[in-house]
């Protein structure tokens, strides 16, 4: 009888562990697809100094990278990242190359020294077109932008008090959705998408033709 009870407890423990792992996996997939779950913000934030007010505000502001577009051919190929931002009921896309992320990182480091401790993916000249590498970089850039958003909420009380698109793009032009000269996508061309997530916008990116990759895109 004692042995049967021990065996039953072991089976129950294994079942509970398996269920917890499944819940954790499903929660992570939900976060990847739709942004952080409000209840996770205080636990997943890299900045543990976020107040309850800032955490509740952060729940209304989410950013993620659902897709990566491959542009160009052969040696001239490069990737463009679809950045999707949601503030309350307002949502929009911007399309950025790795060099633009790196430029943002350098500017933020000069303005906020704490940003130097954020996990930003480095340049890679060899193997940067590999599917696994592209997916890993997508996740790293997504997590980086979420950390940056936490910082914006902390240092910009006017944005935290009344979060809206206009205020965010004034604070960080990186999130402006107006096409800029040299935008790498064209509406008449179908780019190759490296993503397991669906495109989250009904709009289509505006593009220009014959854009050469920059050295910072590696």
N, C-alpha and C. Protein backbone atom coordinates (compact mmCIF):
# COMPACT_ATOMS: atom_id res chain seq x y z
N UNK A 1 0.83 -1.21 0.00
CA UNK A 1 0.00 0.00 0.00
C UNK A 1 0.86 1.27 0.00
N UNK A 2 1.91 1.24 0.82
CA UNK A 2 2.81 2.39 0.89
C UNK A 2 3.50 2.62 -0.45
N UNK A 3 3.93 1.51 -1.09
CA UNK A 3 4.59 1.62 -2.38
C UNK A 3 3.66 2.17 -3.44
N UNK A 4 2.39 1.76 -3.42
CA UNK A 4 1.43 2.26 -4.39
C UNK A 4 1.19 3.75 -4.21
N UNK A 5 1.17 4.20 -2.95
CA UNK A 5 0.97 5.62 -2.67
C UNK A 5 2.13 6.45 -3.18
N UNK A 6 3.35 5.94 -2.99
CA UNK A 6 4.54 6.64 -3.48
C UNK A 6 4.50 6.74 -5.01
N UNK A 7 4.13 5.63 -5.66
CA UNK A 7 4.06 5.62 -7.12
C UNK A 7 3.01 6.60 -7.62
N UNK A 8 1.86 6.64 -6.92
CA UNK A 8 0.80 7.57 -7.30
C UNK A 8 1.26 9.02 -7.17
N UNK A 9 1.97 9.32 -6.08
CA UNK A 9 2.48 10.68 -5.88
C UNK A 9 3.48 11.07 -6.96
N UNK A 10 4.31 10.12 -7.37
CA UNK A 10 5.29 10.40 -8.42
C UNK A 10 4.59 10.69 -9.75
N UNK A 11 3.56 9.90 -10.07
CA UNK A 11 2.81 10.14 -11.31
C UNK A 11 2.11 11.50 -11.27
N UNK A 12 1.55 11.82 -10.11
CA UNK A 12 0.87 13.10 -9.96
C UNK A 12 1.86 14.26 -10.11
N UNK A 13 3.06 14.10 -9.53
CA UNK A 13 4.07 15.14 -9.63
C UNK A 13 4.51 15.34 -11.08
N UNK A 14 4.72 14.24 -11.81
CA UNK A 14 5.12 14.35 -13.21
C UNK A 14 4.04 15.02 -14.04
N UNK A 15 2.77 14.69 -13.75
CA UNK A 15 1.67 15.30 -14.49
C UNK A 15 1.59 16.80 -14.23
N UNK A 16 1.81 17.21 -12.97
CA UNK A 16 1.78 18.63 -12.63
C UNK A 16 2.92 19.38 -13.30
N UNK A 17 4.11 18.78 -13.32
CA UNK A 17 5.26 19.40 -13.97
C UNK A 17 5.00 19.58 -15.46
N UNK A 18 4.42 18.55 -16.08
CA UNK A 18 4.12 18.62 -17.51
C UNK A 18 3.10 19.71 -17.81
N UNK A 19 2.08 19.83 -16.96
CA UNK A 19 1.06 20.86 -17.16
C UNK A 19 1.64 22.25 -16.98
N UNK A 20 2.51 22.42 -15.98
CA UNK A 20 3.15 23.72 -15.76
C UNK A 20 4.01 24.11 -16.95
N UNK A 21 4.72 23.13 -17.51
CA UNK A 21 5.56 23.40 -18.68
C UNK A 21 4.70 23.81 -19.87
N UNK A 22 3.56 23.14 -20.05
CA UNK A 22 2.66 23.46 -21.15
C UNK A 22 2.08 24.87 -20.99
N UNK A 23 1.66 25.20 -19.77
CA UNK A 23 1.11 26.53 -19.52
C UNK A 23 2.16 27.60 -19.78
N UNK A 24 3.40 27.34 -19.34
CA UNK A 24 4.49 28.29 -19.55
C UNK A 24 4.76 28.48 -21.04
N UNK A 25 4.75 27.38 -21.80
CA UNK A 25 4.98 27.46 -23.24
C UNK A 25 3.87 28.25 -23.93
N UNK A 26 2.62 27.97 -23.56
CA UNK A 26 1.50 28.67 -24.18
C UNK A 26 1.50 30.15 -23.83
N UNK A 27 1.88 30.47 -22.59
CA UNK A 27 1.96 31.87 -22.18
C UNK A 27 3.03 32.61 -22.98
N UNK A 28 4.18 31.94 -23.18
CA UNK A 28 5.26 32.56 -23.93
C UNK A 28 4.86 32.78 -25.39
N UNK A 29 4.13 31.82 -25.97
CA UNK A 29 3.66 31.98 -27.34
C UNK A 29 2.67 33.14 -27.43
N UNK A 30 1.83 33.30 -26.41
CA UNK A 30 0.89 34.41 -26.39
C UNK A 30 1.63 35.74 -26.29
N UNK A 31 2.67 35.79 -25.47
CA UNK A 31 3.48 37.00 -25.33
C UNK A 31 4.16 37.33 -26.64
N UNK A 32 4.72 36.31 -27.30
CA UNK A 32 5.39 36.54 -28.59
C UNK A 32 4.42 37.09 -29.63
N UNK A 33 3.18 36.62 -29.58
CA UNK A 33 2.21 37.00 -30.60
C UNK A 33 1.53 38.33 -30.30
N UNK A 34 1.15 38.56 -29.03
CA UNK A 34 0.34 39.72 -28.69
C UNK A 34 0.97 40.67 -27.68
N UNK A 35 2.20 40.42 -27.29
CA UNK A 35 2.84 41.31 -26.32
C UNK A 35 2.69 40.77 -24.90
N UNK A 36 3.35 41.40 -23.93
CA UNK A 36 3.35 40.92 -22.55
C UNK A 36 1.96 40.83 -21.95
N UNK A 37 1.74 39.78 -21.17
CA UNK A 37 0.50 39.64 -20.42
C UNK A 37 0.60 40.54 -19.20
N UNK A 38 -0.44 41.35 -18.88
CA UNK A 38 -0.34 42.30 -17.78
C UNK A 38 0.18 41.71 -16.49
N UNK A 39 -0.24 40.51 -16.13
CA UNK A 39 0.20 39.92 -14.88
C UNK A 39 1.66 39.56 -14.86
N UNK A 40 2.30 39.52 -16.03
CA UNK A 40 3.71 39.15 -16.11
C UNK A 40 4.65 40.34 -16.06
N UNK A 41 4.12 41.54 -16.19
CA UNK A 41 4.99 42.70 -16.36
C UNK A 41 5.93 42.91 -15.20
N UNK A 42 5.44 42.74 -13.96
CA UNK A 42 6.30 42.97 -12.80
C UNK A 42 7.36 41.90 -12.67
N UNK A 43 7.15 40.74 -13.30
CA UNK A 43 8.10 39.64 -13.19
C UNK A 43 9.08 39.61 -14.35
N UNK A 44 8.61 39.99 -15.55
CA UNK A 44 9.46 39.88 -16.73
C UNK A 44 10.24 41.14 -17.03
N UNK A 45 9.85 42.25 -16.46
CA UNK A 45 10.54 43.50 -16.75
C UNK A 45 11.98 43.44 -16.28
N UNK A 46 12.90 43.90 -17.13
CA UNK A 46 14.30 43.93 -16.74
C UNK A 46 14.56 45.01 -15.71
N UNK A 47 13.67 45.99 -15.63
CA UNK A 47 13.83 47.07 -14.66
C UNK A 47 12.87 46.82 -13.50
N UNK A 48 13.38 46.32 -12.38
CA UNK A 48 12.54 45.95 -11.26
C UNK A 48 12.05 47.15 -10.46
N UNK A 49 12.44 48.36 -10.86
CA UNK A 49 12.02 49.56 -10.13
C UNK A 49 10.70 50.12 -10.63
N UNK A 50 10.06 49.45 -11.58
CA UNK A 50 8.79 49.93 -12.09
C UNK A 50 7.75 49.95 -10.98
N UNK A 51 7.03 51.05 -10.84
CA UNK A 51 6.00 51.17 -9.82
C UNK A 51 4.73 50.47 -10.30
N UNK A 52 3.76 50.31 -9.38
CA UNK A 52 2.49 49.69 -9.77
C UNK A 52 1.80 50.50 -10.86
N UNK A 53 1.90 51.84 -10.77
CA UNK A 53 1.29 52.70 -11.79
C UNK A 53 1.96 52.49 -13.14
N UNK A 54 3.29 52.39 -13.13
CA UNK A 54 4.02 52.20 -14.37
C UNK A 54 3.73 50.83 -14.97
N UNK A 55 3.56 49.83 -14.11
CA UNK A 55 3.23 48.49 -14.59
C UNK A 55 1.85 48.48 -15.23
N UNK A 56 0.87 49.15 -14.59
CA UNK A 56 -0.47 49.21 -15.16
C UNK A 56 -0.48 49.97 -16.48
N UNK A 57 0.37 51.01 -16.57
CA UNK A 57 0.50 51.76 -17.82
C UNK A 57 1.14 50.89 -18.89
N UNK A 58 2.17 50.14 -18.51
CA UNK A 58 2.88 49.27 -19.45
C UNK A 58 1.94 48.24 -20.06
N UNK A 59 0.92 47.83 -19.30
CA UNK A 59 -0.02 46.84 -19.81
C UNK A 59 -0.81 47.37 -21.00
N UNK A 60 -0.90 48.71 -21.12
CA UNK A 60 -1.64 49.33 -22.21
C UNK A 60 -0.75 49.65 -23.40
N UNK A 61 0.56 49.44 -23.26
CA UNK A 61 1.52 49.79 -24.29
C UNK A 61 2.37 48.57 -24.62
N UNK A 62 2.26 48.09 -25.84
CA UNK A 62 3.01 46.91 -26.21
C UNK A 62 3.66 47.07 -27.58
N UNK A 63 4.81 46.42 -27.72
CA UNK A 63 5.54 46.46 -28.99
C UNK A 63 6.10 45.08 -29.24
N UNK A 64 6.03 44.62 -30.47
CA UNK A 64 6.60 43.33 -30.82
C UNK A 64 6.99 43.32 -32.29
N UNK A 65 7.76 42.32 -32.66
CA UNK A 65 8.24 42.19 -34.03
C UNK A 65 7.73 40.86 -34.57
N UNK A 66 6.60 40.86 -35.29
CA UNK A 66 6.02 39.60 -35.76
C UNK A 66 6.63 39.04 -37.02
N UNK A 67 7.29 39.89 -37.84
CA UNK A 67 7.77 39.42 -39.14
C UNK A 67 9.13 40.01 -39.48
N UNK A 68 9.87 39.26 -40.30
CA UNK A 68 11.15 39.72 -40.83
C UNK A 68 11.11 39.53 -42.34
N UNK A 69 11.33 40.61 -43.09
CA UNK A 69 11.27 40.56 -44.55
C UNK A 69 12.68 40.50 -45.13
N UNK A 70 12.90 39.59 -46.05
CA UNK A 70 14.18 39.49 -46.76
C UNK A 70 14.08 40.25 -48.07
N UNK A 71 14.99 41.21 -48.26
CA UNK A 71 14.99 42.03 -49.46
C UNK A 71 16.32 41.88 -50.20
N UNK A 72 16.29 42.12 -51.50
CA UNK A 72 17.49 42.03 -52.31
C UNK A 72 17.83 40.60 -52.68
N UNK A 73 18.94 40.44 -53.40
CA UNK A 73 19.36 39.13 -53.87
C UNK A 73 20.83 38.90 -53.57
N UNK A 74 21.15 37.63 -53.32
CA UNK A 74 22.54 37.19 -53.13
C UNK A 74 23.27 38.08 -52.13
N UNK A 75 24.41 38.62 -52.55
CA UNK A 75 25.25 39.42 -51.65
C UNK A 75 24.58 40.71 -51.23
N UNK A 76 23.58 41.16 -51.99
CA UNK A 76 22.90 42.41 -51.68
C UNK A 76 21.65 42.21 -50.82
N UNK A 77 21.40 40.99 -50.36
CA UNK A 77 20.21 40.72 -49.56
C UNK A 77 20.36 41.28 -48.14
N UNK A 78 19.26 41.72 -47.58
CA UNK A 78 19.25 42.23 -46.21
C UNK A 78 17.84 42.04 -45.65
N UNK A 79 17.71 42.18 -44.32
CA UNK A 79 16.43 41.96 -43.66
C UNK A 79 15.82 43.27 -43.18
N UNK A 80 14.50 43.30 -43.21
CA UNK A 80 13.74 44.42 -42.67
C UNK A 80 12.76 43.86 -41.64
N UNK A 81 12.68 44.51 -40.49
CA UNK A 81 11.85 44.02 -39.39
C UNK A 81 10.55 44.82 -39.30
N UNK A 82 9.45 44.08 -39.24
CA UNK A 82 8.15 44.70 -39.02
C UNK A 82 7.98 44.93 -37.52
N UNK A 83 7.89 46.18 -37.10
CA UNK A 83 7.68 46.51 -35.69
C UNK A 83 6.23 46.95 -35.53
N UNK A 84 5.52 46.24 -34.69
CA UNK A 84 4.09 46.52 -34.48
C UNK A 84 3.91 47.12 -33.09
N UNK A 85 3.27 48.30 -33.02
CA UNK A 85 3.09 49.00 -31.75
C UNK A 85 1.61 49.13 -31.46
N UNK A 86 1.26 48.90 -30.20
CA UNK A 86 -0.13 49.06 -29.77
C UNK A 86 -0.16 49.90 -28.50
N UNK A 87 -0.90 51.00 -28.54
CA UNK A 87 -1.12 51.83 -27.36
C UNK A 87 -2.63 51.94 -27.17
N UNK A 88 -3.13 51.26 -26.16
CA UNK A 88 -4.57 51.17 -25.95
C UNK A 88 -5.23 50.62 -27.22
N UNK A 89 -6.09 51.41 -27.87
CA UNK A 89 -6.77 50.94 -29.08
C UNK A 89 -6.08 51.41 -30.36
N UNK A 90 -4.98 52.13 -30.22
CA UNK A 90 -4.25 52.63 -31.38
C UNK A 90 -3.11 51.67 -31.71
N UNK A 91 -3.00 51.28 -32.96
CA UNK A 91 -1.95 50.34 -33.36
C UNK A 91 -1.46 50.67 -34.76
N UNK A 92 -0.16 50.45 -34.97
CA UNK A 92 0.44 50.78 -36.26
C UNK A 92 1.73 49.99 -36.45
N UNK A 93 2.23 49.98 -37.70
CA UNK A 93 3.46 49.29 -38.06
C UNK A 93 4.54 50.28 -38.46
N UNK A 94 5.77 49.95 -38.16
CA UNK A 94 6.92 50.62 -38.78
C UNK A 94 7.84 49.52 -39.27
N UNK A 95 8.66 49.82 -40.26
CA UNK A 95 9.56 48.84 -40.86
C UNK A 95 10.98 49.36 -40.75
N UNK A 96 11.83 48.62 -40.05
CA UNK A 96 13.17 49.10 -39.75
C UNK A 96 14.23 48.05 -40.06
N UNK A 97 15.38 48.53 -40.55
CA UNK A 97 16.53 47.66 -40.78
C UNK A 97 17.37 47.60 -39.52
N UNK A 98 18.23 46.60 -39.47
CA UNK A 98 19.06 46.42 -38.28
C UNK A 98 19.88 47.67 -37.99
N UNK A 99 20.37 48.33 -39.03
CA UNK A 99 21.19 49.52 -38.82
C UNK A 99 20.42 50.62 -38.09
N UNK A 100 19.10 50.68 -38.29
CA UNK A 100 18.28 51.68 -37.60
C UNK A 100 18.11 51.32 -36.13
N UNK A 101 17.99 50.03 -35.84
CA UNK A 101 17.95 49.60 -34.44
C UNK A 101 19.27 49.96 -33.75
N UNK A 102 20.37 49.72 -34.44
CA UNK A 102 21.68 49.99 -33.84
C UNK A 102 21.88 51.49 -33.61
N UNK A 103 21.40 52.30 -34.54
CA UNK A 103 21.48 53.75 -34.37
C UNK A 103 20.65 54.20 -33.16
N UNK A 104 19.47 53.62 -33.02
CA UNK A 104 18.63 53.92 -31.86
C UNK A 104 19.35 53.56 -30.56
N UNK A 105 19.97 52.39 -30.55
CA UNK A 105 20.67 51.92 -29.35
C UNK A 105 21.79 52.87 -28.96
N UNK A 106 22.56 53.33 -29.93
CA UNK A 106 23.67 54.25 -29.65
C UNK A 106 23.15 55.57 -29.09
N UNK A 107 22.06 56.08 -29.65
CA UNK A 107 21.49 57.34 -29.16
C UNK A 107 20.96 57.18 -27.74
N UNK A 108 20.29 56.07 -27.47
CA UNK A 108 19.73 55.86 -26.14
C UNK A 108 20.82 55.65 -25.10
N UNK A 109 21.92 55.01 -25.49
CA UNK A 109 23.03 54.82 -24.55
C UNK A 109 23.59 56.16 -24.10
N UNK A 110 23.68 57.10 -25.02
CA UNK A 110 24.20 58.42 -24.67
C UNK A 110 23.23 59.19 -23.78
N UNK A 111 21.94 58.95 -23.98
CA UNK A 111 20.92 59.68 -23.22
C UNK A 111 20.62 59.02 -21.88
N UNK A 112 20.57 57.68 -21.88
CA UNK A 112 20.25 56.92 -20.66
C UNK A 112 21.32 55.85 -20.45
N UNK A 113 22.27 56.07 -19.56
CA UNK A 113 23.37 55.11 -19.34
C UNK A 113 22.88 53.70 -19.02
N UNK A 114 21.69 53.57 -18.40
CA UNK A 114 21.20 52.24 -18.04
C UNK A 114 20.97 51.36 -19.26
N UNK A 115 20.75 51.99 -20.41
CA UNK A 115 20.47 51.22 -21.64
C UNK A 115 21.68 50.38 -22.04
N UNK A 116 22.87 50.77 -21.60
CA UNK A 116 24.07 49.99 -21.93
C UNK A 116 23.97 48.56 -21.39
N UNK A 117 23.18 48.37 -20.35
CA UNK A 117 23.02 47.04 -19.78
C UNK A 117 21.96 46.21 -20.46
N UNK A 118 21.23 46.78 -21.41
CA UNK A 118 20.21 46.03 -22.12
C UNK A 118 20.85 45.06 -23.12
N UNK A 119 20.18 43.96 -23.34
CA UNK A 119 20.70 42.94 -24.25
C UNK A 119 20.37 43.32 -25.69
N UNK A 120 21.36 43.91 -26.39
CA UNK A 120 21.17 44.29 -27.79
C UNK A 120 22.01 43.38 -28.67
N UNK A 121 21.41 42.75 -29.69
CA UNK A 121 22.15 41.81 -30.54
C UNK A 121 23.25 42.50 -31.34
N UNK A 122 24.47 41.99 -31.33
CA UNK A 122 25.58 42.63 -32.04
C UNK A 122 25.52 42.35 -33.54
N UNK A 123 26.35 43.08 -34.29
CA UNK A 123 26.47 42.84 -35.73
C UNK A 123 27.09 41.47 -35.96
N UNK A 124 26.75 40.88 -37.11
CA UNK A 124 27.33 39.61 -37.50
C UNK A 124 27.48 39.61 -39.01
N UNK A 125 28.72 39.51 -39.48
CA UNK A 125 28.98 39.60 -40.91
C UNK A 125 28.79 38.27 -41.62
N UNK A 126 29.04 37.16 -40.91
CA UNK A 126 28.96 35.83 -41.52
C UNK A 126 27.79 35.07 -40.89
N UNK A 127 26.96 34.48 -41.75
CA UNK A 127 25.85 33.68 -41.26
C UNK A 127 24.64 34.48 -40.83
N UNK A 128 24.59 35.77 -41.20
CA UNK A 128 23.48 36.60 -40.75
C UNK A 128 22.20 36.39 -41.56
N UNK A 129 22.23 35.51 -42.55
CA UNK A 129 21.02 35.19 -43.31
C UNK A 129 20.44 33.84 -42.88
N UNK A 130 21.11 33.15 -41.97
CA UNK A 130 20.64 31.86 -41.49
C UNK A 130 19.30 32.02 -40.78
N UNK A 131 18.36 31.09 -41.04
CA UNK A 131 17.01 31.22 -40.50
C UNK A 131 16.99 31.24 -38.97
N UNK A 132 17.79 30.38 -38.35
CA UNK A 132 17.83 30.34 -36.88
C UNK A 132 18.38 31.64 -36.32
N UNK A 133 19.41 32.18 -36.98
CA UNK A 133 20.00 33.44 -36.53
C UNK A 133 18.99 34.58 -36.66
N UNK A 134 18.27 34.62 -37.78
CA UNK A 134 17.28 35.68 -38.00
C UNK A 134 16.18 35.61 -36.95
N UNK A 135 15.71 34.42 -36.64
CA UNK A 135 14.66 34.27 -35.63
C UNK A 135 15.15 34.68 -34.25
N UNK A 136 16.38 34.31 -33.91
CA UNK A 136 16.93 34.69 -32.61
C UNK A 136 17.12 36.20 -32.52
N UNK A 137 17.60 36.80 -33.59
CA UNK A 137 17.77 38.26 -33.59
C UNK A 137 16.42 38.96 -33.48
N UNK A 138 15.41 38.42 -34.14
CA UNK A 138 14.06 39.00 -34.05
C UNK A 138 13.60 39.04 -32.60
N UNK A 139 13.77 37.93 -31.90
CA UNK A 139 13.37 37.87 -30.49
C UNK A 139 14.17 38.85 -29.64
N UNK A 140 15.48 38.93 -29.90
CA UNK A 140 16.32 39.83 -29.11
C UNK A 140 15.95 41.29 -29.34
N UNK A 141 15.70 41.66 -30.58
CA UNK A 141 15.29 43.03 -30.87
C UNK A 141 13.93 43.34 -30.26
N UNK A 142 13.04 42.37 -30.28
CA UNK A 142 11.72 42.55 -29.68
C UNK A 142 11.84 42.79 -28.18
N UNK A 143 12.62 41.96 -27.50
CA UNK A 143 12.82 42.13 -26.06
C UNK A 143 13.51 43.45 -25.75
N UNK A 144 14.44 43.84 -26.63
CA UNK A 144 15.14 45.11 -26.43
C UNK A 144 14.16 46.28 -26.50
N UNK A 145 13.28 46.29 -27.50
CA UNK A 145 12.32 47.38 -27.63
C UNK A 145 11.37 47.43 -26.45
N UNK A 146 11.02 46.27 -25.91
CA UNK A 146 10.13 46.26 -24.74
C UNK A 146 10.83 46.84 -23.52
N UNK A 147 12.12 46.56 -23.38
CA UNK A 147 12.89 47.16 -22.29
C UNK A 147 12.98 48.67 -22.47
N UNK A 148 13.18 49.10 -23.71
CA UNK A 148 13.23 50.54 -24.00
C UNK A 148 11.89 51.19 -23.66
N UNK A 149 10.79 50.51 -23.98
CA UNK A 149 9.47 51.07 -23.68
C UNK A 149 9.28 51.24 -22.18
N UNK A 150 9.77 50.29 -21.39
CA UNK A 150 9.72 50.43 -19.94
C UNK A 150 10.47 51.68 -19.49
N UNK A 151 11.62 51.91 -20.10
CA UNK A 151 12.43 53.08 -19.75
C UNK A 151 11.70 54.38 -20.12
N UNK A 152 11.05 54.40 -21.28
CA UNK A 152 10.31 55.59 -21.69
C UNK A 152 9.20 55.91 -20.69
N UNK A 153 8.52 54.88 -20.22
CA UNK A 153 7.45 55.08 -19.24
C UNK A 153 8.00 55.70 -17.96
N UNK A 154 9.20 55.28 -17.57
CA UNK A 154 9.81 55.79 -16.34
C UNK A 154 10.26 57.24 -16.46
N UNK A 155 10.89 57.58 -17.59
CA UNK A 155 11.54 58.89 -17.71
C UNK A 155 10.62 59.95 -18.31
N UNK A 156 9.47 59.56 -18.82
CA UNK A 156 8.55 60.51 -19.44
C UNK A 156 7.19 60.45 -18.74
N UNK A 157 7.03 61.14 -17.61
CA UNK A 157 5.78 61.07 -16.86
C UNK A 157 4.57 61.52 -17.66
N UNK A 158 4.77 62.46 -18.60
CA UNK A 158 3.65 62.92 -19.41
C UNK A 158 3.13 61.81 -20.32
N UNK A 159 4.03 60.93 -20.75
CA UNK A 159 3.62 59.79 -21.57
C UNK A 159 2.97 58.71 -20.72
N UNK A 160 3.52 58.46 -19.54
CA UNK A 160 2.95 57.45 -18.65
C UNK A 160 1.56 57.86 -18.17
N UNK A 161 1.37 59.16 -17.94
CA UNK A 161 0.08 59.63 -17.45
C UNK A 161 -1.00 59.56 -18.52
N UNK A 162 -0.61 59.79 -19.78
CA UNK A 162 -1.57 59.76 -20.87
C UNK A 162 -0.91 59.19 -22.11
N UNK A 163 -0.72 57.87 -22.15
CA UNK A 163 -0.02 57.25 -23.28
C UNK A 163 -0.80 57.37 -24.58
N UNK A 164 -0.14 57.88 -25.61
CA UNK A 164 -0.75 57.96 -26.92
C UNK A 164 0.35 58.01 -27.98
N UNK A 165 -0.04 57.71 -29.20
CA UNK A 165 0.92 57.59 -30.30
C UNK A 165 1.68 58.89 -30.52
N UNK A 166 0.98 60.02 -30.53
CA UNK A 166 1.63 61.30 -30.82
C UNK A 166 2.76 61.59 -29.85
N UNK A 167 2.53 61.31 -28.57
CA UNK A 167 3.56 61.57 -27.57
C UNK A 167 4.76 60.64 -27.76
N UNK A 168 4.48 59.38 -28.05
CA UNK A 168 5.56 58.41 -28.22
C UNK A 168 6.47 58.79 -29.40
N UNK A 169 5.89 59.13 -30.53
CA UNK A 169 6.72 59.43 -31.71
C UNK A 169 7.50 60.73 -31.53
N UNK A 170 7.00 61.63 -30.69
CA UNK A 170 7.77 62.83 -30.37
C UNK A 170 8.98 62.48 -29.51
N UNK A 171 8.77 61.57 -28.57
CA UNK A 171 9.87 61.15 -27.70
C UNK A 171 10.86 60.27 -28.46
N UNK A 172 10.35 59.41 -29.35
CA UNK A 172 11.18 58.47 -30.08
C UNK A 172 10.75 58.42 -31.54
N UNK A 173 11.35 59.22 -32.41
CA UNK A 173 11.01 59.22 -33.84
C UNK A 173 11.17 57.85 -34.50
N UNK A 174 11.88 56.94 -33.86
CA UNK A 174 12.04 55.58 -34.38
C UNK A 174 10.68 54.96 -34.67
N UNK A 175 9.65 55.33 -33.92
CA UNK A 175 8.33 54.72 -34.04
C UNK A 175 7.40 55.48 -34.99
N UNK A 176 7.92 56.46 -35.71
CA UNK A 176 7.10 57.17 -36.70
C UNK A 176 6.82 56.23 -37.87
N UNK A 177 5.57 56.16 -38.29
CA UNK A 177 5.20 55.23 -39.37
C UNK A 177 5.16 55.88 -40.74
N UNK A 178 5.63 57.11 -40.87
CA UNK A 178 5.69 57.77 -42.18
C UNK A 178 6.91 57.27 -42.93
N UNK A 179 6.77 56.78 -44.18
CA UNK A 179 7.92 56.27 -44.93
C UNK A 179 9.00 57.33 -45.08
N UNK A 180 10.24 56.91 -44.95
CA UNK A 180 11.37 57.81 -45.10
C UNK A 180 12.15 57.46 -46.36
N UNK A 181 12.96 58.40 -46.90
CA UNK A 181 13.77 58.09 -48.08
C UNK A 181 14.63 56.86 -47.85
N UNK A 182 14.62 55.95 -48.84
CA UNK A 182 15.40 54.73 -48.69
C UNK A 182 14.65 53.62 -48.00
N UNK A 183 13.34 53.80 -47.76
CA UNK A 183 12.55 52.72 -47.17
C UNK A 183 12.67 51.50 -48.06
N UNK A 184 13.02 50.32 -47.50
CA UNK A 184 13.42 49.18 -48.32
C UNK A 184 12.32 48.36 -48.94
N UNK A 185 11.05 48.64 -48.70
CA UNK A 185 10.00 47.79 -49.23
C UNK A 185 9.22 48.50 -50.33
N UNK A 186 8.66 47.75 -51.29
CA UNK A 186 7.82 48.33 -52.34
C UNK A 186 6.49 47.61 -52.40
N UNK A 187 5.43 48.37 -52.58
CA UNK A 187 4.09 47.76 -52.53
C UNK A 187 3.84 46.86 -53.73
N UNK A 188 4.65 46.98 -54.77
CA UNK A 188 4.47 46.13 -55.94
C UNK A 188 5.33 44.87 -55.90
N UNK A 189 6.07 44.71 -54.79
CA UNK A 189 6.96 43.57 -54.67
C UNK A 189 6.60 42.78 -53.43
N UNK A 190 6.55 41.49 -53.54
CA UNK A 190 6.27 40.65 -52.39
C UNK A 190 7.57 40.21 -51.74
N UNK A 191 7.87 40.68 -50.54
CA UNK A 191 9.10 40.27 -49.87
C UNK A 191 8.95 38.89 -49.27
N UNK A 192 10.07 38.22 -49.08
CA UNK A 192 10.08 36.94 -48.40
C UNK A 192 10.03 37.19 -46.91
N UNK A 193 9.09 36.54 -46.23
CA UNK A 193 8.89 36.78 -44.81
C UNK A 193 9.45 35.63 -44.00
N UNK A 194 10.30 35.96 -43.01
CA UNK A 194 10.84 34.95 -42.10
C UNK A 194 10.17 35.13 -40.76
N UNK A 195 8.99 34.51 -40.60
CA UNK A 195 8.26 34.63 -39.34
C UNK A 195 7.24 33.53 -39.24
N UNK A 196 6.97 33.08 -38.01
CA UNK A 196 5.92 32.09 -37.80
C UNK A 196 4.63 32.75 -37.35
N UNK A 197 4.60 34.09 -37.32
CA UNK A 197 3.42 34.81 -36.90
C UNK A 197 2.76 35.49 -38.08
N UNK A 198 1.43 35.68 -38.06
CA UNK A 198 0.75 36.38 -39.15
C UNK A 198 1.00 37.86 -39.07
N UNK A 199 0.88 38.52 -40.21
CA UNK A 199 0.99 39.97 -40.24
C UNK A 199 -0.21 40.56 -39.51
N UNK A 200 0.01 41.55 -38.65
CA UNK A 200 -1.03 42.02 -37.75
C UNK A 200 -1.71 43.30 -38.21
N UNK A 201 -1.48 43.71 -39.44
CA UNK A 201 -2.07 44.97 -39.90
C UNK A 201 -2.72 44.78 -41.25
N UNK A 202 -3.78 45.52 -41.46
CA UNK A 202 -4.45 45.46 -42.77
C UNK A 202 -3.72 46.30 -43.80
N UNK A 203 -2.88 47.21 -43.35
CA UNK A 203 -2.15 48.07 -44.27
C UNK A 203 -0.96 47.37 -44.86
N UNK A 204 -0.39 47.93 -45.89
CA UNK A 204 0.78 47.37 -46.54
C UNK A 204 1.90 48.38 -46.49
N UNK A 205 3.14 47.93 -46.27
CA UNK A 205 4.26 48.87 -46.22
C UNK A 205 4.51 49.53 -47.56
N UNK A 206 4.85 50.79 -47.50
CA UNK A 206 5.22 51.51 -48.71
C UNK A 206 6.71 51.37 -48.92
N UNK A 207 7.12 51.26 -50.18
CA UNK A 207 8.50 50.92 -50.45
C UNK A 207 9.07 51.75 -51.58
N UNK A 208 10.39 51.69 -51.75
CA UNK A 208 11.06 52.26 -52.90
C UNK A 208 11.94 51.18 -53.51
N UNK A 209 12.31 51.38 -54.75
CA UNK A 209 13.03 50.35 -55.47
C UNK A 209 14.54 50.55 -55.41
N UNK A 210 15.27 49.43 -55.68
CA UNK A 210 16.72 49.47 -55.87
C UNK A 210 17.46 50.08 -54.68
N UNK A 211 17.15 49.61 -53.50
CA UNK A 211 17.84 50.09 -52.31
C UNK A 211 18.99 49.16 -51.99
N UNK A 212 20.19 49.67 -51.93
CA UNK A 212 21.35 48.85 -51.62
C UNK A 212 21.48 48.67 -50.11
N UNK A 213 21.90 47.50 -49.64
CA UNK A 213 22.06 47.29 -48.20
C UNK A 213 23.19 48.14 -47.65
N UNK A 214 23.04 48.56 -46.40
CA UNK A 214 24.06 49.33 -45.73
C UNK A 214 24.94 48.41 -44.91
N UNK A 215 26.15 48.86 -44.59
CA UNK A 215 27.07 48.03 -43.82
C UNK A 215 26.50 47.70 -42.46
N UNK A 216 25.67 48.58 -41.91
CA UNK A 216 25.09 48.35 -40.59
C UNK A 216 24.03 47.28 -40.57
N UNK A 217 23.60 46.78 -41.74
CA UNK A 217 22.57 45.75 -41.79
C UNK A 217 23.12 44.37 -41.54
N UNK A 218 24.42 44.21 -41.38
CA UNK A 218 25.00 42.88 -41.21
C UNK A 218 24.80 42.39 -39.79
